[in-house]
Amino acid sequence: MFSFLPFIFSLIYILVIVFVAYFLITAVLFMKKKNRSDELLLQKIDELSQRLGELKEDKRS
């Protein structure tokens, strides 16, 4: 008689490995996207702070 217990444990083990791999890939892709958007946000903040400094100097003149 063939026992399904080792087959079920193997299947669960494979599913857990696949889930962990999927989660890691998704997390890495999210972090890459987040870093790029943070970089763009910091650029915009730098531009705005420079313009604000220029406006303050123009008002003083």
PDB file of N, CA and C in Angstrom:
ATOM      1  N   MET A   1       0.846  -1.184   0.000  1.00  0.00           N
ATOM      2  CA  MET A   1       0.000   0.000   0.000  1.00  0.00           C
ATOM      3  C   MET A   1       0.888   1.243   0.000  1.00  0.00           C
ATOM      4  N   PHE A   2       0.554   2.168  -0.872  1.00  0.00           N
ATOM      5  CA  PHE A   2       1.327   3.407  -0.994  1.00  0.00           C
ATOM      6  C   PHE A   2       0.821   4.422   0.031  1.00  0.00           C
ATOM      7  N   SER A   3       1.745   5.042   0.755  1.00  0.00           N
ATOM      8  CA  SER A   3       1.365   6.029   1.766  1.00  0.00           C
ATOM      9  C   SER A   3       1.493   7.438   1.175  1.00  0.00           C
ATOM     10  N   PHE A   4       0.476   8.220   1.365  1.00  0.00           N
ATOM     11  CA  PHE A   4       0.476   9.582   0.847  1.00  0.00           C
ATOM     12  C   PHE A   4       1.135  10.571   1.811  1.00  0.00           C
ATOM     13  N   LEU A   5       1.461  10.157   2.996  1.00  0.00           N
ATOM     14  CA  LEU A   5       2.029  11.054   3.985  1.00  0.00           C
ATOM     15  C   LEU A   5       3.360  11.669   3.536  1.00  0.00           C
ATOM     16  N   PRO A   6       4.332  10.909   3.046  1.00  0.00           N
ATOM     17  CA  PRO A   6       5.570  11.542   2.567  1.00  0.00           C
ATOM     18  C   PRO A   6       5.328  12.467   1.377  1.00  0.00           C
ATOM     19  N   PHE A   7       4.398  12.086   0.518  1.00  0.00           N
ATOM     20  CA  PHE A   7       4.062  12.926  -0.631  1.00  0.00           C
ATOM     21  C   PHE A   7       3.480  14.259  -0.174  1.00  0.00           C
ATOM     22  N   ILE A   8       2.599  14.238   0.799  1.00  0.00           N
ATOM     23  CA  ILE A   8       1.979  15.468   1.304  1.00  0.00           C
ATOM     24  C   ILE A   8       3.021  16.357   1.979  1.00  0.00           C
ATOM     25  N   PHE A   9       3.918  15.761   2.779  1.00  0.00           N
ATOM     26  CA  PHE A   9       4.966  16.547   3.429  1.00  0.00           C
ATOM     27  C   PHE A   9       5.903  17.169   2.390  1.00  0.00           C
ATOM     28  N   SER A  10       6.224  16.428   1.357  1.00  0.00           N
ATOM     29  CA  SER A  10       7.083  16.956   0.290  1.00  0.00           C
ATOM     30  C   SER A  10       6.395  18.105  -0.428  1.00  0.00           C
ATOM     31  N   LEU A  11       5.122  17.950  -0.696  1.00  0.00           N
ATOM     32  CA  LEU A  11       4.363  18.995  -1.371  1.00  0.00           C
ATOM     33  C   LEU A  11       4.295  20.256  -0.515  1.00  0.00           C
ATOM     34  N   ILE A  12       4.046  20.106   0.775  1.00  0.00           N
ATOM     35  CA  ILE A  12       4.004  21.257   1.678  1.00  0.00           C
ATOM     36  C   ILE A  12       5.367  21.934   1.730  1.00  0.00           C
ATOM     37  N   TYR A  13       6.437  21.141   1.792  1.00  0.00           N
ATOM     38  CA  TYR A  13       7.795  21.692   1.827  1.00  0.00           C
ATOM     39  C   TYR A  13       8.076  22.504   0.566  1.00  0.00           C
ATOM     40  N   ILE A  14       7.715  21.977  -0.585  1.00  0.00           N
ATOM     41  CA  ILE A  14       7.932  22.682  -1.852  1.00  0.00           C
ATOM     42  C   ILE A  14       7.106  23.960  -1.899  1.00  0.00           C
ATOM     43  N   LEU A  15       5.873  23.904  -1.446  1.00  0.00           N
ATOM     44  CA  LEU A  15       5.027  25.101  -1.443  1.00  0.00           C
ATOM     45  C   LEU A  15       5.589  26.188  -0.534  1.00  0.00           C
ATOM     46  N   VAL A  16       6.126  25.801   0.606  1.00  0.00           N
ATOM     47  CA  VAL A  16       6.730  26.786   1.519  1.00  0.00           C
ATOM     48  C   VAL A  16       7.945  27.433   0.865  1.00  0.00           C
ATOM     49  N   ILE A  17       8.788  26.639   0.213  1.00  0.00           N
ATOM     50  CA  ILE A  17       9.972  27.171  -0.472  1.00  0.00           C
ATOM     51  C   ILE A  17       9.559  28.140  -1.581  1.00  0.00           C
ATOM     52  N   VAL A  18       8.546  27.772  -2.358  1.00  0.00           N
ATOM     53  CA  VAL A  18       8.061  28.642  -3.439  1.00  0.00           C
ATOM     54  C   VAL A  18       7.506  29.942  -2.859  1.00  0.00           C
ATOM     55  N   PHE A  19       6.757  29.864  -1.772  1.00  0.00           N
ATOM     56  CA  PHE A  19       6.208  31.071  -1.155  1.00  0.00           C
ATOM     57  C   PHE A  19       7.315  31.987  -0.651  1.00  0.00           C
ATOM     58  N   VAL A  20       8.324  31.437  -0.010  1.00  0.00           N
ATOM     59  CA  VAL A  20       9.431  32.245   0.502  1.00  0.00           C
ATOM     60  C   VAL A  20      10.180  32.911  -0.656  1.00  0.00           C
ATOM     61  N   ALA A  21      10.427  32.178  -1.728  1.00  0.00           N
ATOM     62  CA  ALA A  21      11.111  32.745  -2.891  1.00  0.00           C
ATOM     63  C   ALA A  21      10.277  33.867  -3.501  1.00  0.00           C
ATOM     64  N   TYR A  22       8.972  33.659  -3.652  1.00  0.00           N
ATOM     65  CA  TYR A  22       8.089  34.691  -4.191  1.00  0.00           C
ATOM     66  C   TYR A  22       8.093  35.933  -3.304  1.00  0.00           C
ATOM     67  N   PHE A  23       8.023  35.731  -1.987  1.00  0.00           N
ATOM     68  CA  PHE A  23       8.022  36.847  -1.059  1.00  0.00           C
ATOM     69  C   PHE A  23       9.328  37.638  -1.155  1.00  0.00           C
ATOM     70  N   LEU A  24      10.456  36.949  -1.211  1.00  0.00           N
ATOM     71  CA  LEU A  24      11.748  37.633  -1.300  1.00  0.00           C
ATOM     72  C   LEU A  24      11.877  38.429  -2.595  1.00  0.00           C
ATOM     73  N   ILE A  25      11.464  37.843  -3.701  1.00  0.00           N
ATOM     74  CA  ILE A  25      11.535  38.546  -4.985  1.00  0.00           C
ATOM     75  C   ILE A  25      10.634  39.771  -4.964  1.00  0.00           C
ATOM     76  N   THR A  26       9.432  39.626  -4.441  1.00  0.00           N
ATOM     77  CA  THR A  26       8.509  40.761  -4.357  1.00  0.00           C
ATOM     78  C   THR A  26       9.072  41.862  -3.460  1.00  0.00           C
ATOM     79  N   ALA A  27       9.669  41.489  -2.341  1.00  0.00           N
ATOM     80  CA  ALA A  27      10.240  42.475  -1.424  1.00  0.00           C
ATOM     81  C   ALA A  27      11.402  43.215  -2.074  1.00  0.00           C
ATOM     82  N   VAL A  28      12.259  42.502  -2.788  1.00  0.00           N
ATOM     83  CA  VAL A  28      13.404  43.147  -3.445  1.00  0.00           C
ATOM     84  C   VAL A  28      12.929  44.108  -4.522  1.00  0.00           C
ATOM     85  N   LEU A  29      11.960  43.700  -5.329  1.00  0.00           N
ATOM     86  CA  LEU A  29      11.442  44.585  -6.377  1.00  0.00           C
ATOM     87  C   LEU A  29      10.777  45.816  -5.770  1.00  0.00           C
ATOM     88  N   PHE A  30      10.047  45.641  -4.683  1.00  0.00           N
ATOM     89  CA  PHE A  30       9.413  46.776  -4.008  1.00  0.00           C
ATOM     90  C   PHE A  30      10.460  47.751  -3.490  1.00  0.00           C
ATOM     91  N   MET A  31      11.518  47.235  -2.877  1.00  0.00           N
ATOM     92  CA  MET A  31      12.552  48.109  -2.323  1.00  0.00           C
ATOM     93  C   MET A  31      13.286  48.860  -3.426  1.00  0.00           C
ATOM     94  N   LYS A  32      13.514  48.225  -4.579  1.00  0.00           N
ATOM     95  CA  LYS A  32      14.155  48.922  -5.694  1.00  0.00           C
ATOM     96  C   LYS A  32      13.277  50.072  -6.172  1.00  0.00           C
ATOM     97  N   LYS A  33      11.973  49.811  -6.288  1.00  0.00           N
ATOM     98  CA  LYS A  33      11.039  50.846  -6.730  1.00  0.00           C
ATOM     99  C   LYS A  33      10.960  51.975  -5.708  1.00  0.00           C
ATOM    100  N   LYS A  34      10.941  51.607  -4.428  1.00  0.00           N
ATOM    101  CA  LYS A  34      10.851  52.588  -3.359  1.00  0.00           C
ATOM    102  C   LYS A  34      12.094  53.464  -3.319  1.00  0.00           C
ATOM    103  N   ASN A  35      13.263  52.874  -3.476  1.00  0.00           N
ATOM    104  CA  ASN A  35      14.497  53.652  -3.483  1.00  0.00           C
ATOM    105  C   ASN A  35      14.503  54.652  -4.628  1.00  0.00           C
ATOM    106  N   ARG A  36      14.030  54.244  -5.792  1.00  0.00           N
ATOM    107  CA  ARG A  36      13.982  55.157  -6.949  1.00  0.00           C
ATOM    108  C   ARG A  36      13.013  56.302  -6.684  1.00  0.00           C
ATOM    109  N   SER A  37      11.852  56.017  -6.141  1.00  0.00           N
ATOM    110  CA  SER A  37      10.884  57.083  -5.884  1.00  0.00           C
ATOM    111  C   SER A  37      11.379  58.000  -4.759  1.00  0.00           C
ATOM    112  N   ASP A  38      12.066  57.445  -3.769  1.00  0.00           N
ATOM    113  CA  ASP A  38      12.648  58.281  -2.709  1.00  0.00           C
ATOM    114  C   ASP A  38      13.722  59.200  -3.272  1.00  0.00           C
ATOM    115  N   GLU A  39      14.507  58.684  -4.203  1.00  0.00           N
ATOM    116  CA  GLU A  39      15.547  59.496  -4.834  1.00  0.00           C
ATOM    117  C   GLU A  39      14.922  60.667  -5.598  1.00  0.00           C
ATOM    118  N   LEU A  40      13.858  60.400  -6.343  1.00  0.00           N
ATOM    119  CA  LEU A  40      13.174  61.470  -7.074  1.00  0.00           C
ATOM    120  C   LEU A  40      12.559  62.487  -6.116  1.00  0.00           C
ATOM    121  N   LEU A  41      11.999  62.010  -5.023  1.00  0.00           N
ATOM    122  CA  LEU A  41      11.409  62.902  -4.032  1.00  0.00           C
ATOM    123  C   LEU A  41      12.469  63.812  -3.415  1.00  0.00           C
ATOM    124  N   LEU A  42      13.622  63.259  -3.098  1.00  0.00           N
ATOM    125  CA  LEU A  42      14.708  64.069  -2.535  1.00  0.00           C
ATOM    126  C   LEU A  42      15.205  65.104  -3.534  1.00  0.00           C
ATOM    127  N   GLN A  43      15.248  64.751  -4.812  1.00  0.00           N
ATOM    128  CA  GLN A  43      15.630  65.715  -5.836  1.00  0.00           C
ATOM    129  C   GLN A  43      14.649  66.884  -5.866  1.00  0.00           C
ATOM    130  N   LYS A  44      13.368  66.581  -5.838  1.00  0.00           N
ATOM    131  CA  LYS A  44      12.347  67.634  -5.864  1.00  0.00           C
ATOM    132  C   LYS A  44      12.434  68.513  -4.616  1.00  0.00           C
ATOM    133  N   ILE A  45      12.677  67.915  -3.465  1.00  0.00           N
ATOM    134  CA  ILE A  45      12.806  68.692  -2.233  1.00  0.00           C
ATOM    135  C   ILE A  45      14.011  69.614  -2.325  1.00  0.00           C
ATOM    136  N   ASP A  46      15.125  69.134  -2.879  1.00  0.00           N
ATOM    137  CA  ASP A  46      16.308  69.977  -3.065  1.00  0.00           C
ATOM    138  C   ASP A  46      16.008  71.151  -3.995  1.00  0.00           C
ATOM    139  N   GLU A  47      15.308  70.877  -5.104  1.00  0.00           N
ATOM    140  CA  GLU A  47      14.947  71.947  -6.034  1.00  0.00           C
ATOM    141  C   GLU A  47      14.069  72.986  -5.349  1.00  0.00           C
ATOM    142  N   LEU A  48      13.081  72.519  -4.594  1.00  0.00           N
ATOM    143  CA  LEU A  48      12.182  73.452  -3.911  1.00  0.00           C
ATOM    144  C   LEU A  48      12.916  74.278  -2.861  1.00  0.00           C
ATOM    145  N   SER A  49      13.844  73.663  -2.138  1.00  0.00           N
ATOM    146  CA  SER A  49      14.572  74.424  -1.122  1.00  0.00           C
ATOM    147  C   SER A  49      15.489  75.454  -1.769  1.00  0.00           C
ATOM    148  N   GLN A  50      16.072  75.127  -2.921  1.00  0.00           N
ATOM    149  CA  GLN A  50      16.894  76.105  -3.634  1.00  0.00           C
ATOM    150  C   GLN A  50      16.035  77.270  -4.117  1.00  0.00           C
ATOM    151  N   ARG A  51      14.883  76.987  -4.671  1.00  0.00           N
ATOM    152  CA  ARG A  51      13.993  78.060  -5.139  1.00  0.00           C
ATOM    153  C   ARG A  51      13.489  78.910  -3.984  1.00  0.00           C
ATOM    154  N   LEU A  52      13.213  78.272  -2.861  1.00  0.00           N
ATOM    155  CA  LEU A  52      12.775  79.015  -1.687  1.00  0.00           C
ATOM    156  C   LEU A  52      13.884  79.954  -1.220  1.00  0.00           C
ATOM    157  N   GLY A  53      15.121  79.473  -1.237  1.00  0.00           N
ATOM    158  CA  GLY A  53      16.254  80.332  -0.878  1.00  0.00           C
ATOM    159  C   GLY A  53      16.398  81.487  -1.826  1.00  0.00           C
ATOM    160  N   GLU A  54      16.197  81.241  -3.119  1.00  0.00           N
ATOM    161  CA  GLU A  54      16.262  82.325  -4.106  1.00  0.00           C
ATOM    162  C   GLU A  54      15.157  83.341  -3.865  1.00  0.00           C
ATOM    163  N   LEU A  55      13.952  82.885  -3.549  1.00  0.00           N
ATOM    164  CA  LEU A  55      12.844  83.814  -3.296  1.00  0.00           C
ATOM    165  C   LEU A  55      13.109  84.652  -2.045  1.00  0.00           C
ATOM    166  N   LYS A  56      13.684  84.068  -1.013  1.00  0.00           N
ATOM    167  CA  LYS A  56      13.996  84.820   0.199  1.00  0.00           C
ATOM    168  C   LYS A  56      15.057  85.889  -0.084  1.00  0.00           C
ATOM    169  N   GLU A  57      16.057  85.536  -0.913  1.00  0.00           N
ATOM    170  CA  GLU A  57      17.076  86.522  -1.261  1.00  0.00           C
ATOM    171  C   GLU A  57      16.513  87.630  -2.122  1.00  0.00           C
ATOM    172  N   ASP A  58      15.577  87.320  -3.015  1.00  0.00           N
ATOM    173  CA  ASP A  58      14.943  88.337  -3.850  1.00  0.00           C
ATOM    174  C   ASP A  58      14.127  89.302  -2.995  1.00  0.00           C
ATOM    175  N   LYS A  59      13.462  88.821  -1.974  1.00  0.00           N
ATOM    176  CA  LYS A  59      12.668  89.684  -1.108  1.00  0.00           C
ATOM    177  C   LYS A  59      13.561  90.613  -0.300  1.00  0.00           C
ATOM    178  N   ARG A  60      14.752  90.160   0.080  1.00  0.00           N
ATOM    179  CA  ARG A  60      15.674  90.981   0.866  1.00  0.00           C
ATOM    180  C   ARG A  60      16.261  92.116   0.037  1.00  0.00           C
ATOM    181  N   SER A  61      16.388  91.908  -1.267  1.00  0.00           N
ATOM    182  CA  SER A  61      17.002  92.934  -2.136  1.00  0.00           C
ATOM    183  C   SER A  61      16.084  94.088  -2.400  1.00  0.00           C
TER     184      SER A  61
END
